[in-house]
Protein backbone atom coordinates (compact mmCIF):
# COMPACT_ATOMS: atom_id res chain seq x y z
CA MET A 1 211.05 15.78 197.25
CA LYS A 2 212.60 19.22 196.79
CA LYS A 3 211.55 22.34 198.65
CA GLU A 4 209.90 23.84 195.55
CA GLU A 5 207.64 20.79 195.26
CA ILE A 6 206.89 20.67 198.98
CA VAL A 7 205.85 24.29 199.43
CA HIS A 8 203.54 24.15 196.43
CA LEU A 9 201.60 21.10 197.58
CA PRO A 10 197.89 21.96 197.22
CA ILE A 11 196.11 21.92 200.56
CA SER A 12 193.08 20.39 198.85
CA ARG A 13 194.89 17.03 198.95
CA TYR A 14 194.58 17.04 202.73
CA ASP A 15 190.85 17.46 203.06
CA TYR A 16 188.10 15.14 204.22
CA HIS A 17 184.45 15.49 205.21
CA LEU A 18 184.06 15.87 208.98
CA PRO A 19 180.38 15.80 210.00
CA GLY A 20 179.55 18.04 212.94
CA GLU A 21 178.22 15.10 214.96
CA LYS A 22 181.69 13.49 214.88
CA ILE A 23 183.24 16.41 216.80
CA ALA A 24 183.37 15.63 220.52
CA LYS A 25 181.87 18.59 222.37
CA TYR A 26 182.74 17.08 225.76
CA PRO A 27 185.23 14.47 226.93
CA LEU A 28 184.21 11.03 228.12
CA PRO A 29 183.60 10.75 231.89
CA GLN A 30 186.69 8.52 232.16
CA ARG A 31 189.70 9.85 230.24
CA ASP A 32 191.24 6.48 229.37
CA ALA A 33 187.93 4.95 228.22
CA SER A 34 188.42 6.59 224.83
CA LYS A 35 189.06 4.54 221.73
CA LEU A 36 192.63 4.01 220.55
CA LEU A 37 193.25 3.49 216.85
CA LEU A 38 196.34 1.36 216.21
CA TYR A 39 198.23 1.84 212.95
CA GLY A 40 201.36 0.00 211.90
CA ASP A 41 202.75 -2.77 209.72
CA SER A 42 199.81 -5.03 210.60
CA GLY A 43 197.25 -2.49 209.37
CA ILE A 44 194.59 -0.66 211.36
CA ARG A 45 192.68 -1.91 214.37
CA SER A 46 190.86 -0.61 217.43
CA ALA A 47 191.64 -0.82 221.14
CA LEU A 48 190.99 1.19 224.28
CA PHE A 49 193.35 3.90 225.46
CA SER A 50 193.54 2.24 228.88
CA ASP A 51 195.38 -0.60 227.13
CA LEU A 52 198.06 1.66 225.59
CA PRO A 53 200.86 0.08 227.70
CA ASP A 54 200.10 -3.29 226.09
CA TRP A 55 200.93 -1.88 222.66
CA LEU A 56 204.28 -0.29 223.52
CA PRO A 57 207.55 -2.25 223.53
CA GLU A 58 209.25 -2.61 226.89
CA GLY A 59 212.05 -0.07 227.30
CA SER A 60 210.38 2.53 225.09
CA LEU A 61 210.74 6.23 225.90
CA LEU A 62 207.48 8.16 226.09
CA LEU A 63 207.90 11.92 225.71
CA PHE A 64 205.23 14.27 227.12
CA ASN A 65 204.59 18.00 226.77
CA ASN A 66 204.09 19.28 230.33
CA THR A 67 202.66 22.68 229.43
CA ARG A 68 199.58 23.93 231.28
CA VAL A 69 196.75 25.97 229.75
CA ILE A 70 196.31 29.44 231.25
CA HIS A 71 193.16 31.55 231.66
CA ALA A 72 194.14 33.52 228.56
CA ARG A 73 190.78 35.19 227.73
CA LEU A 74 190.21 38.50 229.53
CA LEU A 75 186.82 40.15 228.99
CA PHE A 76 186.82 43.91 229.59
CA ARG A 77 183.71 46.07 229.36
CA LYS A 78 183.82 49.71 228.29
CA PRO A 79 181.77 52.33 230.21
CA GLY A 80 179.28 52.37 227.31
CA GLY A 81 178.74 48.63 227.59
CA ALA A 82 180.81 47.28 224.67
CA GLN A 83 182.74 44.12 225.52
CA ILE A 84 186.38 43.82 224.43
CA GLU A 85 188.12 40.45 224.61
CA ILE A 86 191.88 40.40 225.10
CA PHE A 87 193.30 36.98 224.32
CA CYS A 88 196.81 36.70 225.78
CA LEU A 89 199.06 34.76 223.40
CA SER A 90 202.65 35.16 224.60
CA PRO A 91 204.63 37.51 226.86
CA SER A 92 206.40 40.50 225.36
CA CYS A 93 208.06 42.26 228.29
CA PRO A 94 209.40 40.39 230.12
CA ALA A 95 209.52 37.85 227.29
CA ASP A 96 210.12 34.87 229.58
CA TYR A 97 206.87 33.14 230.56
CA ALA A 98 207.85 32.33 234.13
CA VAL A 99 209.20 35.83 234.77
CA SER A 100 206.15 37.51 233.23
CA PHE A 101 203.76 35.43 235.31
CA GLN A 102 205.60 36.50 238.47
CA GLN A 103 205.41 40.25 237.75
CA ARG A 104 203.68 42.23 240.53
CA ARG A 105 202.97 45.62 238.94
CA PHE A 106 203.04 45.45 235.14
CA CYS A 107 203.87 43.34 232.11
CA SER A 108 203.20 43.34 228.36
CA TRP A 109 201.78 40.55 226.19
CA HIS A 110 201.16 39.86 222.53
CA CYS A 111 197.38 39.52 222.26
CA MET A 112 194.50 39.01 219.88
CA ILE A 113 191.68 41.51 220.34
CA GLY A 114 188.03 40.64 219.96
CA ASN A 115 185.71 43.50 218.94
CA ALA A 116 188.87 45.48 218.19
CA LYS A 117 187.03 48.21 216.26
CA ARG A 118 185.35 49.33 219.48
CA TRP A 119 188.66 49.78 221.30
CA LYS A 120 190.31 53.02 220.28
CA GLU A 121 193.17 54.34 222.43
CA GLU A 122 191.53 54.59 225.84
CA PRO A 123 192.65 52.22 228.65
CA LEU A 124 190.38 49.35 229.60
CA VAL A 125 189.79 48.63 233.27
CA MET A 126 188.27 45.73 235.19
CA LYS A 127 187.95 45.08 238.90
CA VAL A 128 189.21 41.63 239.84
CA PRO A 129 187.57 40.22 242.99
CA LEU A 130 190.01 38.46 245.29
CA GLN A 131 189.81 37.24 248.87
CA VAL A 132 191.36 40.45 250.22
CA GLY A 133 189.18 42.75 248.11
CA GLU A 134 189.26 44.09 244.56
CA VAL A 135 192.32 44.70 242.40
CA LYS A 136 192.09 47.14 239.49
CA LEU A 137 193.57 45.62 236.32
CA GLN A 138 194.20 48.02 233.45
CA ALA A 139 195.00 47.25 229.80
CA ASP A 140 196.65 49.78 227.47
CA LYS A 141 197.16 49.26 223.76
CA ILE A 142 200.81 49.73 222.81
CA VAL A 143 201.20 48.75 219.15
CA ARG A 144 199.48 46.57 216.58
CA ASN A 145 201.51 44.18 214.44
CA GLY A 146 199.43 42.27 211.90
CA GLN A 147 196.72 40.30 213.66
CA GLU A 148 198.33 40.76 217.05
CA THR A 149 198.39 43.73 219.41
CA GLU A 150 200.90 44.35 222.17
CA VAL A 151 199.04 45.17 225.37
CA ARG A 152 200.50 46.52 228.61
CA PHE A 153 198.82 45.35 231.81
CA THR A 154 199.13 47.24 235.09
CA TRP A 155 197.47 46.65 238.44
CA ASP A 156 197.32 48.48 241.75
CA ASP A 157 198.26 45.81 244.29
CA ASP A 158 201.72 44.26 244.29
CA ARG A 159 200.66 41.45 246.60
CA PHE A 160 199.42 39.64 243.50
CA THR A 161 201.29 38.29 240.50
CA PHE A 162 200.04 38.47 236.94
CA SER A 163 199.53 34.71 237.07
CA GLU A 164 197.18 35.09 240.04
CA LEU A 165 195.23 37.84 238.29
CA LEU A 166 194.86 35.74 235.13
CA GLU A 167 193.66 32.80 237.19
CA ALA A 168 191.06 34.95 238.93
CA ALA A 169 189.92 37.18 236.06
CA GLY A 170 190.56 35.18 232.90
CA ARG A 171 188.67 32.37 231.24
CA LEU A 172 189.95 29.06 229.90
CA PRO A 173 190.31 29.25 226.08
CA ILE A 174 188.64 26.05 224.91
CA PRO A 175 188.70 25.53 221.11
CA PRO A 176 186.22 27.66 219.11
CA TYR A 177 185.01 24.64 217.10
CA LEU A 178 183.33 23.29 220.26
CA ASN A 179 180.79 26.09 219.76
CA ARG A 180 180.16 26.52 223.47
CA ALA A 181 181.41 28.56 226.39
CA ALA A 182 183.96 27.13 228.81
CA GLU A 183 182.34 25.37 231.75
CA GLU A 184 183.60 24.55 235.22
CA ARG A 185 184.31 20.95 234.23
CA ASP A 186 186.73 22.17 231.52
CA GLU A 187 189.01 23.49 234.24
CA VAL A 188 189.92 19.86 234.92
CA THR A 189 189.21 18.03 231.68
CA TYR A 190 191.07 20.52 229.43
CA GLN A 191 194.32 20.01 231.35
CA THR A 192 196.53 16.94 231.17
CA VAL A 193 197.07 15.16 234.49
CA TYR A 194 200.80 15.90 234.22
CA SER A 195 200.55 19.60 233.23
CA ARG A 196 202.72 21.85 235.41
CA ILE A 197 204.39 24.65 233.38
CA GLU A 198 201.97 27.53 232.70
CA GLY A 199 201.93 29.11 229.26
CA SER A 200 199.66 27.44 226.69
CA VAL A 201 196.51 28.92 225.22
CA ALA A 202 195.44 25.49 223.93
CA ALA A 203 195.88 22.06 225.45
CA PRO A 204 198.28 19.45 224.03
CA THR A 205 195.22 17.29 223.51
CA ALA A 206 196.91 13.93 222.89
CA GLY A 207 197.76 13.92 226.58
CA LEU A 208 194.18 14.38 227.76
CA HIS A 209 193.61 10.59 227.67
CA PHE A 210 196.29 9.73 230.22
CA THR A 211 195.27 8.86 233.78
CA PRO A 212 197.31 8.02 236.89
CA GLN A 213 196.32 4.39 236.31
CA VAL A 214 197.73 4.38 232.77
CA MET A 215 200.88 6.09 234.02
CA GLU A 216 201.32 3.43 236.69
CA ARG A 217 200.93 0.62 234.15
CA LEU A 218 203.49 2.28 231.87
CA GLN A 219 205.96 2.44 234.73
CA LYS A 220 205.39 -1.21 235.67
CA LYS A 221 206.08 -2.25 232.08
CA GLY A 222 209.40 -0.44 232.08
CA ILE A 223 208.38 2.46 229.86
CA ILE A 224 210.66 5.44 230.45
CA ARG A 225 209.07 8.87 230.77
CA ALA A 226 210.55 12.27 229.91
CA GLU A 227 209.12 15.75 229.45
CA VAL A 228 209.56 18.78 227.24
CA THR A 229 207.72 22.09 227.28
CA LEU A 230 206.16 23.71 224.24
CA HIS A 231 203.63 26.42 225.01
CA VAL A 232 200.87 25.83 222.48
CA GLY A 233 199.85 28.93 220.55
CA ALA A 234 196.42 29.82 219.20
CA GLY A 235 197.64 29.27 215.64
CA THR A 236 198.26 25.55 216.17
CA PHE A 237 194.74 24.57 215.17
CA ARG A 238 194.25 27.26 212.50
CA PRO A 239 193.24 25.72 209.14
CA VAL A 240 195.36 26.48 206.11
CA LYS A 241 193.28 28.96 204.09
CA SER A 242 195.67 29.40 201.18
CA GLU A 243 195.62 27.15 198.11
CA THR A 244 199.17 25.94 198.71
CA ILE A 245 201.23 25.41 201.84
CA ALA A 246 203.72 28.07 200.74
CA ASP A 247 201.31 30.90 201.57
CA HIS A 248 200.54 29.71 205.10
CA GLU A 249 202.54 31.45 207.83
CA MET A 250 203.26 29.35 210.91
CA HIS A 251 203.12 30.92 214.35
CA THR A 252 206.17 30.99 216.61
CA GLU A 253 206.14 28.92 219.79
CA VAL A 254 208.51 28.81 222.76
CA ILE A 255 210.16 25.52 223.69
CA SER A 256 212.03 24.63 226.85
CA VAL A 257 213.90 21.36 227.29
CA GLU A 258 215.86 20.41 230.40
CA ARG A 259 219.40 19.09 230.11
CA LYS A 260 218.40 15.74 231.62
CA THR A 261 215.78 15.26 228.89
CA ILE A 262 218.34 15.96 226.16
CA GLU A 263 220.70 13.48 227.81
CA THR A 264 217.92 10.89 227.97
CA LEU A 265 217.16 11.36 224.26
CA LEU A 266 220.85 11.05 223.43
CA HIS A 267 221.48 7.82 225.31
CA HIS A 268 218.13 6.06 224.86
CA GLN A 269 218.37 2.86 222.80
CA GLY A 270 214.72 1.80 222.58
CA LYS A 271 211.72 3.15 220.69
CA LEU A 272 210.80 6.82 221.05
CA ILE A 273 207.05 7.47 221.25
CA LEU A 274 205.94 11.09 221.24
CA VAL A 275 202.75 12.15 222.99
CA GLY A 276 201.22 14.71 220.67
CA THR A 277 202.24 16.83 217.73
CA THR A 278 203.69 19.47 220.07
CA SER A 279 206.19 16.98 221.51
CA LEU A 280 207.08 15.92 217.98
CA ARG A 281 207.64 19.51 216.82
CA THR A 282 209.80 20.09 219.88
CA VAL A 283 212.20 17.19 219.35
CA GLU A 284 212.45 17.82 215.63
CA SER A 285 213.25 21.47 216.40
CA LEU A 286 216.05 20.21 218.67
CA TYR A 287 217.74 18.69 215.64
CA TYR A 288 217.85 21.98 213.71
CA ILE A 289 218.92 24.00 216.75
CA GLY A 290 221.65 21.45 217.42
CA LYS A 291 222.76 21.59 213.81
CA LYS A 292 223.01 25.39 214.01
CA LEU A 293 225.14 25.09 217.14
CA HIS A 294 227.27 22.41 215.48
CA ASP A 295 227.92 24.74 212.53
CA ASP A 296 228.36 27.86 214.70
CA PRO A 297 229.01 27.22 218.42
CA GLY A 298 229.09 30.97 219.09
CA LEU A 299 225.35 31.54 218.51
CA LYS A 300 223.60 33.89 220.93
CA PRO A 301 220.43 32.82 222.81
CA HIS A 302 218.16 34.90 220.56
CA GLU A 303 219.58 33.10 217.52
CA LEU A 304 218.36 29.70 218.74
CA THR A 305 215.33 29.61 216.47
CA VAL A 306 213.95 27.35 213.78
CA GLY A 307 212.37 29.04 210.77
CA GLN A 308 209.27 27.68 209.07
CA TRP A 309 210.99 26.38 205.93
CA GLU A 310 214.46 25.88 207.37
CA PRO A 311 214.16 22.06 207.48
CA TYR A 312 213.61 21.97 203.72
CA GLU A 313 216.75 23.85 202.72
CA GLU A 314 219.39 21.71 201.03
CA GLU A 315 222.15 21.44 203.61
CA THR A 316 224.56 18.72 204.70
CA PRO A 317 222.83 16.74 207.45
CA ILE A 318 224.49 15.60 210.66
CA PRO A 319 223.58 12.59 212.84
CA PRO A 320 220.78 13.45 215.30
CA ALA A 321 223.02 12.34 218.17
CA GLN A 322 225.56 14.97 217.13
CA ALA A 323 222.86 17.64 217.16
CA LEU A 324 221.96 16.70 220.74
CA ARG A 325 225.63 16.71 221.78
CA SER A 326 226.03 20.20 220.30
CA ILE A 327 223.13 21.42 222.47
CA LEU A 328 224.73 19.87 225.56
CA ASP A 329 228.06 21.53 224.67
CA TYR A 330 226.21 24.85 224.40
CA LEU A 331 224.66 24.35 227.84
CA ASP A 332 228.10 23.52 229.22
CA ARG A 333 229.54 26.75 227.81
CA THR A 334 226.68 28.91 229.04
CA GLY A 335 226.16 27.17 232.39
CA GLY A 336 222.52 26.48 231.62
CA ASP A 337 220.40 23.59 232.85
CA ARG A 338 217.80 23.89 230.07
CA LEU A 339 217.56 24.94 226.44
CA MET A 340 215.25 27.86 225.73
CA ALA A 341 214.44 28.41 222.07
CA ALA A 342 211.73 29.36 219.60
CA THR A 343 210.36 27.37 216.70
CA GLN A 344 208.23 28.10 213.68
CA ILE A 345 208.72 24.62 212.22
CA ILE A 346 206.10 23.28 209.85
CA ILE A 347 206.09 19.53 209.20
CA VAL A 348 204.49 18.58 205.90
CA PRO A 349 204.74 15.67 203.44
CA GLY A 350 208.35 15.45 202.26
CA TYR A 351 209.79 16.12 205.70
CA LEU A 352 212.56 13.78 206.91
CA PHE A 353 212.08 12.81 210.57
CA HIS A 354 215.13 12.45 212.80
CA PHE A 355 213.90 11.03 216.11
CA PRO A 356 210.41 9.52 216.51
CA ASP A 357 209.28 5.95 216.01
CA ALA A 358 205.63 6.46 216.92
CA LEU A 359 203.14 9.18 217.73
CA VAL A 360 200.17 9.30 220.08
CA THR A 361 197.71 11.84 218.70
CA ASN A 362 194.03 12.75 218.30
CA PHE A 363 192.16 13.22 215.02
CA HIS A 364 192.66 16.62 213.46
CA GLN A 365 190.75 19.16 211.41
CA PRO A 366 190.66 18.97 207.61
CA GLN A 367 193.21 21.17 205.83
CA SER A 368 195.13 21.90 209.03
CA THR A 369 198.88 21.90 209.61
CA LEU A 370 198.32 19.11 212.13
CA LEU A 371 196.81 16.89 209.45
CA LEU A 372 199.74 17.77 207.18
CA LEU A 373 202.05 16.54 209.95
CA ILE A 374 200.15 13.25 210.16
CA ALA A 375 200.41 12.85 206.38
CA ALA A 376 204.15 13.44 206.62
CA PHE A 377 204.40 10.78 209.33
CA VAL A 378 202.34 7.96 207.80
CA GLY A 379 202.19 8.94 204.12
CA ASP A 380 199.00 8.62 202.11
CA ASP A 381 197.75 6.07 204.63
CA TRP A 382 196.37 9.03 206.58
CA LYS A 383 193.31 8.71 204.33
CA LYS A 384 192.77 5.06 205.31
CA ILE A 385 193.24 5.96 208.98
CA TYR A 386 190.69 8.76 208.89
CA GLU A 387 188.22 6.77 206.79
CA TYR A 388 188.46 3.94 209.32
CA ALA A 389 187.96 6.34 212.25
CA LEU A 390 184.90 7.91 210.64
CA ARG A 391 183.43 4.55 209.73
CA GLU A 392 184.00 3.12 213.22
CA ASP A 393 182.41 6.13 214.90
CA TYR A 394 185.52 7.60 216.50
CA ARG A 395 185.18 10.97 218.21
CA PHE A 396 187.21 13.76 216.59
CA LEU A 397 189.30 16.81 217.62
CA SER A 398 190.40 18.00 221.06
CA TYR A 399 187.99 16.04 223.25
CA GLY A 400 187.86 13.10 220.85
CA ASP A 401 189.50 9.68 220.68
CA SER A 402 193.17 8.86 220.21
CA SER A 403 195.53 6.94 217.96
CA LEU A 404 198.94 5.28 218.14
CA LEU A 405 200.67 5.72 214.79
CA TRP A 406 203.95 4.02 213.92
CA LYS A 407 206.07 5.94 211.44
CA LYS A 408 205.62 4.96 207.81
CA SER A 409 209.02 5.92 206.41
CA LYS A 410 212.16 3.85 207.09
CA GLU A 411 214.40 6.72 206.00
CA ALA A 412 214.97 8.41 209.37
CA CYS A 413 218.64 9.27 209.68
CA LYS A 414 219.41 7.68 213.03
């Protein structure tokens, strides 16, 4: 399928009726007690997530996204009483997540503003209660760019980092389709048990089903584990509102992959199972970054990006292994121990996958880019999968049940 056909696919083809009662408002008390839909050559069947290790071949590589959700929602109140919500999306200055979180006086972030009409040019101030007293946190509007606004944060006590202030003053950004406020239990249930790198404003929800017990069983079976980091942006779950895919603009997300993970991907001989759409977008982005470095080894760090439609341009492909080697060569030249890059990749029907054999994922919203990704992965069988899940009373979306999907196409260029 050519790019012109792909970008003009009508989004109406990727719709289904999702009754409100099918959306899981809360997780199950036991994470791994959720249902697990199994899809592959033998059709569709049901299992329990706790039995996932039984359905994976020995020697498989399971790839996780280790990002951690931050308290991204800051609620300021003006002297007149109006409430302004500042939703922190990604750091601006410093642009590095880890460096921004460790700032002790000021930093700037790209944000979405709630009740924006009530915030003119005046600074917003809140007092953040901490064990040693109150810290004054101030927000100043710098510039608006489309739906986002760059906001500069300053505070009056350098004993505290921005990360500590967010943790104390911010709120966890659970998905809006849950139609409820974040509760204390979400602090635990909306994080994966292996999350460790702060930066996401939404959880990589496929990982919410894993427990230490499942992890232990995976290890005993000889399943290899590796990690990548993709900080999930607020746009991940945004439905496509245009009639065709061409008019939907993907958000940019930061990825970070350690050298040892790239080496593991390069040398692994077994099946590759990705935990979540974010892990899948990360490894597929590695191919296009590696291809850029293969074609031009002199690229600068800021040029290590993947554009939204870049994968659909007609170019001469290279073996995925060569793409990974080109990234390792780049790290050798620059003395780095991890690849830092940005991706705007959109995966839709017609996409040619380079790495994955299977995907662990939840059930996604109608007319969303995540559902488009599933359709790209399993073809038109996505309809059968979702019809089965609805008929068998599966729980949908972030706190819902899970699935193990084996890739439909045999055309991956391995």
